[in-house]
Amino acid sequence: MIANSQGRLQDRNPVAIIDIGSNSIRLVIYEGIARSPTVLFNEKMLAGLGRGIVSTGKLDPEGVTRAVEEFGRFRALADQAGAGELHVIATAAAREAENGPDFIERAEKILGTTIRVLSGREEAGYSALGVISGFHSANGITGDLGGGSLELVDIDGEAIGDGITLPLGGLRLQDMANNSLAEAARIARSEIKRAKLLKAGEGRNFYAVGGTWRNLARLHMNATNYPLAVMHHYEMSIGGSLPFLRQVAKGDIDKMKGLEAVSKSRRALLPYGAAVLLEIIEAMKPSKIVVSAFGVREGYLHSLLSPEEQRRDPLITASEELALLRARSVKHAHELAEWTGYSFAAFGIDETEEEARYRRAACLLADIGWRAHPEYRGTQSMNIISNASFIGVDHPGRAFLALTNFFRHEGIFNEAGAAEIIRLATPRYLERARLLGAMMRVVYLFSAAMPGVIPTLRWERTEGEGLALVVPKRFAALVGERPAGRLAQLGKLTGRKLELRMEEE
């Protein structure tokens, strides 16, 4: 009997990472070391190791006890999942505490492996690398707010620039301010002034990393009735977020919608996270806040890849993998991506680099819903894609991918059930999703989702702005009423006269 189901990529060897932070300790087991990592298992505990470290200089005794007790379970879980490698990293609290070395020694004995205690520079570097790995052509300042420290780093594409570590982690700031929110704001303002690199971030993105800021973003989503629950690449405009952040920084959160989804230990840190973010906005003047689900842990995992793998597009990689797991033919999906690029050019439709990436990804994902009942393929595909753990794609881009699949199954003029996702799409993306879906609806009736036919179909100019879809004679039997009808729909959508034509001898 095969141990792994067909839903697993068979060429992957699981790898586990334990991230020992100042507030939380998390075990993540990945399917393998990959450009677009997939999580097999994920568990965290809020140990609060850094609580009180400012006044005592030591790790929190209760947190140490709880962490040590849990490490055995984490090791057992990694073994149970078949992880061939276990990497353990520790950050600010373990690095700075007087009893940090003793704690690390105890943890190493239980976990059976060496723990890498990151320096402030290494922590900042891996955090920046995590953001670089999770976004396509990231450009701005990344800020990783943990329990003990804040790492700020300038990033531009693959380049990591200046960085600084500040003592503004949520637990540390709470401790330094003696639970006074007014004092916390003053401390944050004073410390942020030291981050001269923020001046270079004006008009660029600020990438917010860390659990406290993710929970702030979750509350903001609820406050604005945002239609998608995906955290990665959630964007907050500066003007739209300032009143919200000011309210949280005052501690006025008890009646906020969605607060029950935030653990009580996290809730207490939200005002401190908001205070720090407000000072960053004031000093940096970014174009927007972009939330990253990737940080130090993912940056460390990314560093284990070869340079060639690091350069791969994470969205295309993830889309190929999902096609491999769920589509009838990966080769057909690639043929569709190539043919639609050729067809866009034939129709005179221009594409930016980003739009071309998204079109290719949409084609790779076009057949992942085929096992569903025909009446639900469009809705199911839309839901899977819009909520998938993709990286390298913004939320309007997700909407484009999801809507393309929806229109491909449900019809290009049917919007029933897609209103929430349509809210996320730009007018241009909505138009292109219909167009790409319409092209898919034509060629799927020739290919039956199998490879070999699509590359032979070509467009020829006819009178005026008309186009003829030329079908090779060897595939003449595939021509019929339904393909002709779908072609007429495409013509109506594009305002062109389209016709089917058999290839001449």
Foldseek 3Di string as FASTA:
>chain_A
DDPDDLLADPVAQKAWEWEAEQFKIKIWIWSHLALQTDTPDIDMDGLNQNAPCVPVLAGDPSSLVVVLVCLLVSLVVCVVVRHPYYAYEYEDRLVRGPCSVVSQVSSCVNNVHHYHYDDLVLQLVLFQLQVLSFAAQAFAWEWAAAQFWIKIWGDGNNDTHDIDIFRQHLSSLCNVQVNDLVSLLVVLLVRVVVVPCLQVRAAHEYEYHYDLVLVLVQLVCQVVVALAPDRAFDKAAPVRCVVVLVCVLVVNPPPGPPPVVDDPVSSSRNNSVSSNVVSSCVSRVYRIYTYHHTGNVSSVSLVPDDPVRSPDQQLLVVLLSLLSSAAPDQQLLQLLLVLVVQVCVLLVHDDDPVRSVLSSSLSSLQGRQVVDDLVCSLVVSLVCQQHPSGGRAHNLSSLLSSLLNNCLRPNLPDCPPPVSSVVSHDPVSNLVSSLSSLVSNLCCLQQVSHDDFSVQWDWDDDPDSAIETEGEPVSVVSDDDRSQVSQVVSCVSSVHHYYYHYDDD
